Amino acid sequence: MKRKIKNLIKRIHCRLKYKVSYIESYNADIAISRKALLALYVFKKLEKNGHPIDLESIEEWNEIINKILFSFAYTIKDEKLNKIERKIVKEYEIKEEIGVNENGEIIVIYENYDDNIKKYNEGMKLFVKYYNDLWD
C-alpha cells in the first residue's frame, strides 16, 4: 500500500512539475512520435511559402515530409491510436497480421518488414537533416 501511494505521488509530481505524464516519459519515443506525426501531418497539408535551399521544389519537400511521416507512423503503429492517428497510419499502409507458427505460438507477421525498416531509417535520417527546416 505504501509503495502504491509513493508511486502515485511520483506520477503526480511528474505531471505537475514537468507537464508530462509518467507514461509519456516512460515511453518517450511513442509520445514524441505521436506529437510529431500530428504536427508534421498538418505541416504537410499547409500551403508552404518555401522549401529547404538544397531542394528544388515544394513537391520534393512534401515527398521528404512524407518519408518522415512514415517513420513516425511506423513507430506508433502498434499502439492504441486515436481516430486521426489511425487515419494517418492507414495512409501509409503498414501491414501486419497475426499468425501461428509450427509450434502453435502466436506471432506477428510483418508484410515487407525489411522494406519498412529501410523506409523508417531513411525517414528518421531525413528528419534529423531537415529538423531546422520544419517551419514556414
N, C-alpha and C. Protein backbone atom coordinates (compact mmCIF):
# COMPACT_ATOMS: atom_id res chain seq x y z
N MET A 1 0.82 -1.19 0.00
CA MET A 1 0.00 0.00 0.00
C MET A 1 0.87 1.26 0.00
N LYS A 2 1.92 1.24 0.82
CA LYS A 2 2.83 2.37 0.91
C LYS A 2 3.50 2.62 -0.45
N ARG A 3 3.84 1.53 -1.12
CA ARG A 3 4.50 1.62 -2.42
C ARG A 3 3.58 2.25 -3.46
N LYS A 4 2.30 1.88 -3.44
CA LYS A 4 1.34 2.43 -4.38
C LYS A 4 1.18 3.94 -4.18
N ILE A 5 1.12 4.34 -2.93
CA ILE A 5 0.99 5.78 -2.63
C ILE A 5 2.23 6.53 -3.09
N LYS A 6 3.39 5.95 -2.86
CA LYS A 6 4.65 6.57 -3.26
C LYS A 6 4.70 6.72 -4.79
N ASN A 7 4.28 5.67 -5.52
CA ASN A 7 4.24 5.75 -6.98
C ASN A 7 3.25 6.78 -7.48
N LEU A 8 2.10 6.86 -6.83
CA LEU A 8 1.10 7.85 -7.19
C LEU A 8 1.63 9.27 -7.00
N ILE A 9 2.29 9.50 -5.89
CA ILE A 9 2.89 10.81 -5.62
C ILE A 9 3.94 11.14 -6.67
N LYS A 10 4.76 10.15 -7.04
CA LYS A 10 5.79 10.36 -8.05
C LYS A 10 5.17 10.74 -9.40
N ARG A 11 4.07 10.08 -9.77
CA ARG A 11 3.40 10.37 -11.03
C ARG A 11 2.75 11.75 -11.03
N ILE A 12 2.12 12.11 -9.92
CA ILE A 12 1.50 13.43 -9.81
C ILE A 12 2.58 14.52 -9.86
N HIS A 13 3.67 14.29 -9.16
CA HIS A 13 4.80 15.24 -9.16
C HIS A 13 5.33 15.44 -10.58
N CYS A 14 5.49 14.35 -11.29
CA CYS A 14 5.99 14.41 -12.66
C CYS A 14 5.06 15.24 -13.54
N ARG A 15 3.76 15.01 -13.41
CA ARG A 15 2.76 15.73 -14.20
C ARG A 15 2.75 17.22 -13.86
N LEU A 16 2.80 17.55 -12.58
CA LEU A 16 2.73 18.94 -12.16
C LEU A 16 4.02 19.70 -12.46
N LYS A 17 5.15 19.10 -12.17
CA LYS A 17 6.42 19.80 -12.34
C LYS A 17 6.85 19.91 -13.80
N TYR A 18 6.72 18.81 -14.55
CA TYR A 18 7.25 18.77 -15.91
C TYR A 18 6.18 18.86 -17.00
N LYS A 19 4.89 18.84 -16.61
CA LYS A 19 3.78 18.87 -17.57
C LYS A 19 3.81 17.68 -18.53
N VAL A 20 4.35 16.57 -18.05
CA VAL A 20 4.45 15.33 -18.83
C VAL A 20 4.02 14.20 -17.91
N SER A 21 3.21 13.32 -18.45
CA SER A 21 2.79 12.19 -17.62
C SER A 21 3.93 11.19 -17.46
N TYR A 22 3.83 10.40 -16.43
CA TYR A 22 4.83 9.36 -16.19
C TYR A 22 4.90 8.40 -17.37
N ILE A 23 3.74 8.05 -17.94
CA ILE A 23 3.69 7.14 -19.08
C ILE A 23 4.40 7.76 -20.28
N GLU A 24 4.19 9.06 -20.52
CA GLU A 24 4.85 9.73 -21.63
C GLU A 24 6.36 9.73 -21.46
N SER A 25 6.84 9.88 -20.25
CA SER A 25 8.29 9.87 -20.03
C SER A 25 8.84 8.45 -20.11
N TYR A 26 8.04 7.49 -19.70
CA TYR A 26 8.47 6.08 -19.76
C TYR A 26 8.55 5.60 -21.20
N ASN A 27 7.59 6.02 -22.04
CA ASN A 27 7.57 5.68 -23.47
C ASN A 27 7.79 6.94 -24.29
N ALA A 28 8.90 7.59 -24.07
CA ALA A 28 9.16 8.88 -24.72
C ALA A 28 9.15 8.76 -26.25
N ASP A 29 9.63 7.65 -26.80
CA ASP A 29 9.63 7.50 -28.25
C ASP A 29 8.22 7.55 -28.83
N ILE A 30 7.28 6.92 -28.13
CA ILE A 30 5.89 6.92 -28.59
C ILE A 30 5.28 8.31 -28.41
N ALA A 31 5.49 8.93 -27.27
CA ALA A 31 4.92 10.26 -27.00
C ALA A 31 5.44 11.28 -28.01
N ILE A 32 6.73 11.27 -28.27
CA ILE A 32 7.32 12.21 -29.23
C ILE A 32 6.81 11.92 -30.64
N SER A 33 6.75 10.65 -30.99
CA SER A 33 6.29 10.28 -32.34
C SER A 33 4.84 10.70 -32.58
N ARG A 34 4.00 10.55 -31.56
CA ARG A 34 2.60 10.94 -31.69
C ARG A 34 2.48 12.44 -31.96
N LYS A 35 3.19 13.23 -31.18
CA LYS A 35 3.12 14.68 -31.35
C LYS A 35 3.72 15.12 -32.69
N ALA A 36 4.85 14.53 -33.03
CA ALA A 36 5.50 14.87 -34.30
C ALA A 36 4.64 14.45 -35.49
N LEU A 37 4.03 13.29 -35.42
CA LEU A 37 3.19 12.79 -36.51
C LEU A 37 2.05 13.78 -36.80
N LEU A 38 1.36 14.20 -35.77
CA LEU A 38 0.24 15.13 -35.97
C LEU A 38 0.71 16.49 -36.46
N ALA A 39 1.77 17.01 -35.89
CA ALA A 39 2.29 18.32 -36.30
C ALA A 39 2.77 18.28 -37.75
N LEU A 40 3.50 17.25 -38.12
CA LEU A 40 4.01 17.14 -39.49
C LEU A 40 2.89 16.88 -40.50
N TYR A 41 1.88 16.14 -40.08
CA TYR A 41 0.74 15.87 -40.96
C TYR A 41 0.05 17.19 -41.35
N VAL A 42 -0.15 18.05 -40.36
CA VAL A 42 -0.76 19.35 -40.62
C VAL A 42 0.20 20.22 -41.43
N PHE A 43 1.49 20.20 -41.07
CA PHE A 43 2.51 20.98 -41.79
C PHE A 43 2.53 20.61 -43.27
N LYS A 44 2.42 19.32 -43.56
CA LYS A 44 2.43 18.86 -44.96
C LYS A 44 1.23 19.41 -45.72
N LYS A 45 0.09 19.53 -45.05
CA LYS A 45 -1.14 19.99 -45.70
C LYS A 45 -1.16 21.50 -45.94
N LEU A 46 -0.33 22.24 -45.20
CA LEU A 46 -0.31 23.69 -45.35
C LEU A 46 0.24 24.11 -46.71
N GLU A 47 -0.22 25.27 -47.15
CA GLU A 47 0.36 25.85 -48.35
C GLU A 47 1.66 26.52 -47.92
N LYS A 48 2.77 25.96 -48.37
CA LYS A 48 4.07 26.45 -47.91
C LYS A 48 4.59 27.56 -48.82
N ASN A 49 5.35 28.48 -48.22
CA ASN A 49 5.91 29.60 -48.96
C ASN A 49 7.33 29.32 -49.44
N GLY A 50 7.90 28.22 -49.00
CA GLY A 50 9.27 27.93 -49.40
C GLY A 50 9.65 26.51 -49.04
N HIS A 51 10.89 26.19 -49.30
CA HIS A 51 11.42 24.85 -49.02
C HIS A 51 12.91 24.98 -48.71
N PRO A 52 13.51 23.93 -48.15
CA PRO A 52 14.95 24.00 -47.87
C PRO A 52 15.74 24.33 -49.13
N ILE A 53 16.82 25.04 -48.94
CA ILE A 53 17.60 25.56 -50.07
C ILE A 53 18.19 24.47 -50.97
N ASP A 54 18.44 23.28 -50.40
CA ASP A 54 19.03 22.21 -51.21
C ASP A 54 18.00 21.42 -52.00
N LEU A 55 16.73 21.80 -51.88
CA LEU A 55 15.68 21.13 -52.63
C LEU A 55 15.22 22.02 -53.78
N GLU A 56 14.64 21.41 -54.79
CA GLU A 56 14.25 22.15 -55.99
C GLU A 56 12.82 22.68 -55.97
N SER A 57 11.94 22.02 -55.18
CA SER A 57 10.53 22.41 -55.26
C SER A 57 9.78 22.06 -53.98
N ILE A 58 8.58 22.63 -53.87
CA ILE A 58 7.68 22.31 -52.76
C ILE A 58 7.28 20.84 -52.85
N GLU A 59 7.09 20.32 -54.07
CA GLU A 59 6.71 18.92 -54.25
C GLU A 59 7.78 17.99 -53.67
N GLU A 60 9.05 18.31 -53.94
CA GLU A 60 10.15 17.50 -53.40
C GLU A 60 10.17 17.58 -51.87
N TRP A 61 9.90 18.78 -51.34
CA TRP A 61 9.85 18.98 -49.90
C TRP A 61 8.71 18.14 -49.29
N ASN A 62 7.56 18.13 -49.94
CA ASN A 62 6.44 17.32 -49.46
C ASN A 62 6.74 15.82 -49.50
N GLU A 63 7.50 15.38 -50.50
CA GLU A 63 7.90 13.96 -50.56
C GLU A 63 8.79 13.60 -49.38
N ILE A 64 9.68 14.51 -49.01
CA ILE A 64 10.55 14.27 -47.86
C ILE A 64 9.73 14.26 -46.57
N ILE A 65 8.80 15.19 -46.45
CA ILE A 65 7.94 15.20 -45.26
C ILE A 65 7.15 13.90 -45.19
N ASN A 66 6.71 13.39 -46.33
CA ASN A 66 6.00 12.12 -46.38
C ASN A 66 6.86 10.97 -45.84
N LYS A 67 8.12 10.95 -46.21
CA LYS A 67 9.04 9.91 -45.74
C LYS A 67 9.24 10.00 -44.22
N ILE A 68 9.32 11.22 -43.73
CA ILE A 68 9.45 11.43 -42.28
C ILE A 68 8.17 10.98 -41.57
N LEU A 69 7.02 11.33 -42.15
CA LEU A 69 5.74 10.91 -41.57
C LEU A 69 5.64 9.39 -41.49
N PHE A 70 6.13 8.70 -42.52
CA PHE A 70 6.11 7.23 -42.48
C PHE A 70 6.83 6.72 -41.25
N SER A 71 7.98 7.30 -40.94
CA SER A 71 8.77 6.85 -39.79
C SER A 71 8.02 6.99 -38.48
N PHE A 72 7.36 8.12 -38.29
CA PHE A 72 6.61 8.31 -37.06
C PHE A 72 5.36 7.42 -37.01
N ALA A 73 4.73 7.24 -38.16
CA ALA A 73 3.57 6.33 -38.23
C ALA A 73 4.01 4.91 -37.91
N TYR A 74 5.16 4.52 -38.41
CA TYR A 74 5.68 3.16 -38.17
C TYR A 74 5.98 2.97 -36.68
N THR A 75 6.46 4.02 -36.03
CA THR A 75 6.79 3.93 -34.60
C THR A 75 5.55 3.67 -33.75
N ILE A 76 4.42 4.28 -34.09
CA ILE A 76 3.24 4.16 -33.24
C ILE A 76 2.22 3.13 -33.73
N LYS A 77 2.50 2.43 -34.81
CA LYS A 77 1.51 1.55 -35.44
C LYS A 77 0.93 0.50 -34.51
N ASP A 78 1.67 0.06 -33.51
CA ASP A 78 1.21 -1.00 -32.61
C ASP A 78 0.55 -0.45 -31.35
N GLU A 79 0.42 0.85 -31.24
CA GLU A 79 -0.15 1.47 -30.05
C GLU A 79 -1.67 1.62 -30.21
N LYS A 80 -2.33 1.92 -29.10
CA LYS A 80 -3.75 2.26 -29.15
C LYS A 80 -3.83 3.66 -29.74
N LEU A 81 -4.45 3.79 -30.91
CA LEU A 81 -4.43 5.04 -31.65
C LEU A 81 -5.77 5.76 -31.57
N ASN A 82 -5.71 7.09 -31.61
CA ASN A 82 -6.96 7.85 -31.71
C ASN A 82 -7.38 7.89 -33.19
N LYS A 83 -8.51 8.49 -33.47
CA LYS A 83 -9.10 8.46 -34.82
C LYS A 83 -8.15 9.03 -35.88
N ILE A 84 -7.57 10.18 -35.62
CA ILE A 84 -6.69 10.81 -36.62
C ILE A 84 -5.39 10.02 -36.78
N GLU A 85 -4.84 9.49 -35.69
CA GLU A 85 -3.62 8.67 -35.80
C GLU A 85 -3.89 7.43 -36.64
N ARG A 86 -5.05 6.79 -36.42
CA ARG A 86 -5.42 5.60 -37.21
C ARG A 86 -5.50 5.95 -38.69
N LYS A 87 -6.10 7.10 -38.98
CA LYS A 87 -6.24 7.55 -40.37
C LYS A 87 -4.86 7.74 -41.01
N ILE A 88 -3.96 8.38 -40.30
CA ILE A 88 -2.61 8.63 -40.85
C ILE A 88 -1.85 7.32 -41.03
N VAL A 89 -1.86 6.46 -40.02
CA VAL A 89 -1.14 5.18 -40.12
C VAL A 89 -1.70 4.36 -41.29
N LYS A 90 -3.02 4.39 -41.46
CA LYS A 90 -3.65 3.65 -42.55
C LYS A 90 -3.17 4.17 -43.91
N GLU A 91 -2.97 5.48 -44.02
CA GLU A 91 -2.49 6.07 -45.28
C GLU A 91 -1.14 5.48 -45.70
N TYR A 92 -0.34 5.10 -44.73
CA TYR A 92 0.99 4.59 -45.05
C TYR A 92 1.03 3.08 -45.23
N GLU A 93 -0.12 2.44 -45.16
CA GLU A 93 -0.28 1.02 -45.45
C GLU A 93 0.79 0.15 -44.79
N ILE A 94 0.96 0.32 -43.52
CA ILE A 94 1.88 -0.51 -42.74
C ILE A 94 1.09 -1.75 -42.35
N LYS A 95 1.36 -2.85 -43.02
CA LYS A 95 0.54 -4.04 -42.84
C LYS A 95 1.21 -5.04 -41.93
N GLU A 96 0.38 -5.69 -41.15
CA GLU A 96 0.85 -6.78 -40.31
C GLU A 96 -0.33 -7.70 -40.06
N GLU A 97 -0.06 -8.90 -39.72
CA GLU A 97 -1.14 -9.81 -39.37
C GLU A 97 -0.65 -10.77 -38.31
N ILE A 98 -1.60 -11.30 -37.59
CA ILE A 98 -1.30 -12.26 -36.54
C ILE A 98 -1.34 -13.65 -37.17
N GLY A 99 -0.35 -14.47 -36.85
CA GLY A 99 -0.31 -15.83 -37.36
C GLY A 99 0.10 -16.80 -36.27
N VAL A 100 0.15 -18.05 -36.63
CA VAL A 100 0.58 -19.10 -35.70
C VAL A 100 1.71 -19.86 -36.37
N ASN A 101 2.83 -20.01 -35.65
CA ASN A 101 3.95 -20.75 -36.22
C ASN A 101 3.76 -22.25 -36.03
N GLU A 102 4.74 -23.04 -36.49
CA GLU A 102 4.62 -24.51 -36.43
C GLU A 102 4.55 -25.06 -35.01
N ASN A 103 4.98 -24.28 -34.03
CA ASN A 103 4.91 -24.70 -32.62
C ASN A 103 3.61 -24.28 -31.95
N GLY A 104 2.71 -23.67 -32.72
CA GLY A 104 1.44 -23.23 -32.15
C GLY A 104 1.51 -21.91 -31.42
N GLU A 105 2.64 -21.20 -31.53
CA GLU A 105 2.81 -19.92 -30.87
C GLU A 105 2.25 -18.80 -31.75
N ILE A 106 1.61 -17.84 -31.12
CA ILE A 106 1.08 -16.70 -31.87
C ILE A 106 2.23 -15.77 -32.21
N ILE A 107 2.30 -15.37 -33.47
CA ILE A 107 3.37 -14.47 -33.94
C ILE A 107 2.75 -13.36 -34.77
N VAL A 108 3.48 -12.27 -34.89
CA VAL A 108 3.07 -11.17 -35.76
C VAL A 108 3.89 -11.26 -37.03
N ILE A 109 3.20 -11.26 -38.16
CA ILE A 109 3.87 -11.35 -39.46
C ILE A 109 3.82 -9.97 -40.10
N TYR A 110 4.97 -9.40 -40.34
CA TYR A 110 5.03 -8.08 -40.97
C TYR A 110 5.25 -8.27 -42.46
N GLU A 111 4.35 -7.68 -43.24
CA GLU A 111 4.49 -7.71 -44.67
C GLU A 111 5.55 -6.67 -45.04
N ASN A 112 6.49 -7.03 -45.87
CA ASN A 112 7.54 -6.11 -46.32
C ASN A 112 8.35 -5.54 -45.16
N TYR A 113 8.67 -6.34 -44.18
CA TYR A 113 9.37 -5.88 -42.98
C TYR A 113 10.68 -5.17 -43.33
N ASP A 114 11.51 -5.79 -44.15
CA ASP A 114 12.81 -5.20 -44.49
C ASP A 114 12.64 -3.85 -45.20
N ASP A 115 11.68 -3.79 -46.12
CA ASP A 115 11.42 -2.52 -46.81
C ASP A 115 10.94 -1.45 -45.84
N ASN A 116 10.07 -1.85 -44.91
CA ASN A 116 9.57 -0.88 -43.93
C ASN A 116 10.69 -0.36 -43.04
N ILE A 117 11.60 -1.23 -42.63
CA ILE A 117 12.73 -0.79 -41.80
C ILE A 117 13.62 0.17 -42.58
N LYS A 118 13.88 -0.11 -43.85
CA LYS A 118 14.68 0.81 -44.68
C LYS A 118 14.00 2.16 -44.80
N LYS A 119 12.68 2.15 -45.04
CA LYS A 119 11.93 3.40 -45.15
C LYS A 119 11.92 4.15 -43.83
N TYR A 120 11.79 3.41 -42.73
CA TYR A 120 11.81 4.02 -41.40
C TYR A 120 13.16 4.73 -41.17
N ASN A 121 14.25 4.02 -41.44
CA ASN A 121 15.59 4.60 -41.23
C ASN A 121 15.82 5.81 -42.13
N GLU A 122 15.38 5.73 -43.38
CA GLU A 122 15.53 6.86 -44.28
C GLU A 122 14.75 8.07 -43.77
N GLY A 123 13.52 7.85 -43.32
CA GLY A 123 12.70 8.94 -42.80
C GLY A 123 13.31 9.59 -41.57
N MET A 124 13.87 8.79 -40.68
CA MET A 124 14.49 9.35 -39.47
C MET A 124 15.75 10.15 -39.82
N LYS A 125 16.53 9.68 -40.79
CA LYS A 125 17.71 10.44 -41.22
C LYS A 125 17.29 11.77 -41.84
N LEU A 126 16.21 11.75 -42.61
CA LEU A 126 15.71 12.99 -43.20
C LEU A 126 15.16 13.93 -42.13
N PHE A 127 14.55 13.38 -41.11
CA PHE A 127 14.04 14.20 -40.00
C PHE A 127 15.20 14.94 -39.33
N VAL A 128 16.28 14.24 -39.09
CA VAL A 128 17.45 14.87 -38.47
C VAL A 128 18.03 15.94 -39.41
N LYS A 129 18.15 15.58 -40.68
CA LYS A 129 18.74 16.51 -41.66
C LYS A 129 17.92 17.79 -41.81
N TYR A 130 16.58 17.66 -41.84
CA TYR A 130 15.73 18.81 -42.12
C TYR A 130 15.00 19.35 -40.88
N TYR A 131 15.41 18.94 -39.72
CA TYR A 131 14.74 19.35 -38.48
C TYR A 131 14.59 20.89 -38.40
N ASN A 132 15.65 21.61 -38.71
CA ASN A 132 15.62 23.08 -38.60
C ASN A 132 14.86 23.74 -39.75
N ASP A 133 14.39 22.96 -40.71
CA ASP A 133 13.62 23.50 -41.83
C ASP A 133 12.12 23.26 -41.68
N LEU A 134 11.71 22.72 -40.55
CA LEU A 134 10.30 22.39 -40.35
C LEU A 134 9.52 23.61 -39.84
N TRP A 135 9.50 24.64 -40.63
CA TRP A 135 8.77 25.86 -40.34
C TRP A 135 8.42 26.51 -41.67
N ASP A 136 7.50 27.45 -41.63
CA ASP A 136 7.16 28.14 -42.87
C ASP A 136 6.98 29.61 -42.62
